[in-house]
Amino acid sequence: MRDIQEAKYTETGVLHCQIDGINTCISGEDQEALERYGVQEWIDAGNTPDPYVGPTAMETWVEEMDR
């Protein structure tokens, strides 16, 4: 099994992973890619990718004020 240090979903449903020290992005719906990169095996072993957490209302407000 590959060494997956991090797996986190992005806003668009893409899975951002750090695998063997290399950052890569995989479509969360592409089962073949999940298996090819070893992510499905990692999930089957009891690990869970972090869900997407959007910006807080305050972060959104600050960003809008900076425009």
Protein backbone atom coordinates (compact mmCIF):
# COMPACT_ATOMS: atom_id res chain seq x y z
CA MET A 1 0.00 0.00 0.00
CA ARG A 2 1.25 3.48 -0.83
CA ASP A 3 2.01 5.98 1.93
CA ILE A 4 -0.89 8.42 1.89
CA GLN A 5 -0.18 11.27 4.28
CA GLU A 6 -3.26 13.35 3.47
CA ALA A 7 -6.48 13.07 1.53
CA LYS A 8 -8.93 15.95 1.47
CA TYR A 9 -11.88 16.81 -0.77
CA THR A 10 -11.92 20.21 -2.45
CA GLU A 11 -14.92 22.44 -3.14
CA THR A 12 -15.40 20.81 -6.56
CA GLY A 13 -15.29 17.20 -5.31
CA VAL A 14 -11.70 16.58 -6.35
CA LEU A 15 -9.61 14.60 -3.88
CA HIS A 16 -6.33 16.36 -3.08
CA CYS A 17 -3.85 13.75 -1.83
CA GLN A 18 -0.27 13.62 -0.69
CA ILE A 19 0.95 10.18 -1.76
CA ASP A 20 4.54 9.13 -1.08
CA GLY A 21 5.35 12.81 -0.48
CA ILE A 22 3.94 13.95 -3.84
CA ASN A 23 0.83 16.13 -4.14
CA THR A 24 -1.75 14.90 -6.61
CA CYS A 25 -5.41 15.56 -7.39
CA ILE A 26 -7.85 12.79 -8.27
CA SER A 27 -11.49 13.04 -9.25
CA GLY A 28 -13.47 11.74 -6.30
CA GLU A 29 -15.82 10.01 -8.74
CA ASP A 30 -13.13 8.28 -10.83
CA GLN A 31 -13.06 4.82 -9.26
CA GLU A 32 -10.32 3.63 -11.62
CA ALA A 33 -8.02 6.51 -10.60
CA LEU A 34 -8.77 5.95 -6.91
CA GLU A 35 -7.69 2.32 -7.30
CA ARG A 36 -4.65 3.17 -9.47
CA TYR A 37 -3.27 5.61 -6.89
CA GLY A 38 -4.05 3.30 -3.96
CA VAL A 39 -6.59 5.64 -2.42
CA GLN A 40 -9.41 3.10 -2.49
CA GLU A 41 -7.23 0.57 -0.65
CA TRP A 42 -6.38 3.29 1.90
CA ILE A 43 -10.12 4.00 2.39
CA ASP A 44 -10.92 0.28 2.62
CA ALA A 45 -8.29 0.02 5.40
CA GLY A 46 -10.47 2.32 7.53
CA ASN A 47 -9.13 5.74 6.60
CA THR A 48 -11.41 8.60 5.63
CA PRO A 49 -10.60 11.58 3.41
CA ASP A 50 -11.23 14.91 5.11
CA PRO A 51 -14.43 16.59 3.88
CA TYR A 52 -14.43 19.98 2.18
CA VAL A 53 -14.89 22.79 4.68
CA GLY A 54 -15.72 26.09 3.06
CA PRO A 55 -14.74 29.51 4.28
CA THR A 56 -16.48 30.96 7.30
CA ALA A 57 -18.89 33.86 6.89
CA MET A 58 -16.20 36.16 8.26
CA GLU A 59 -13.60 34.92 5.76
CA THR A 60 -16.06 35.44 2.91
CA TRP A 61 -16.88 38.95 4.13
CA VAL A 62 -13.19 39.90 4.43
CA GLU A 63 -12.51 38.57 0.94
CA GLU A 64 -15.43 40.59 -0.47
CA MET A 65 -14.24 43.74 1.32
CA ASP A 66 -10.74 43.32 -0.17
CA ARG A 67 -12.13 43.48 -3.70
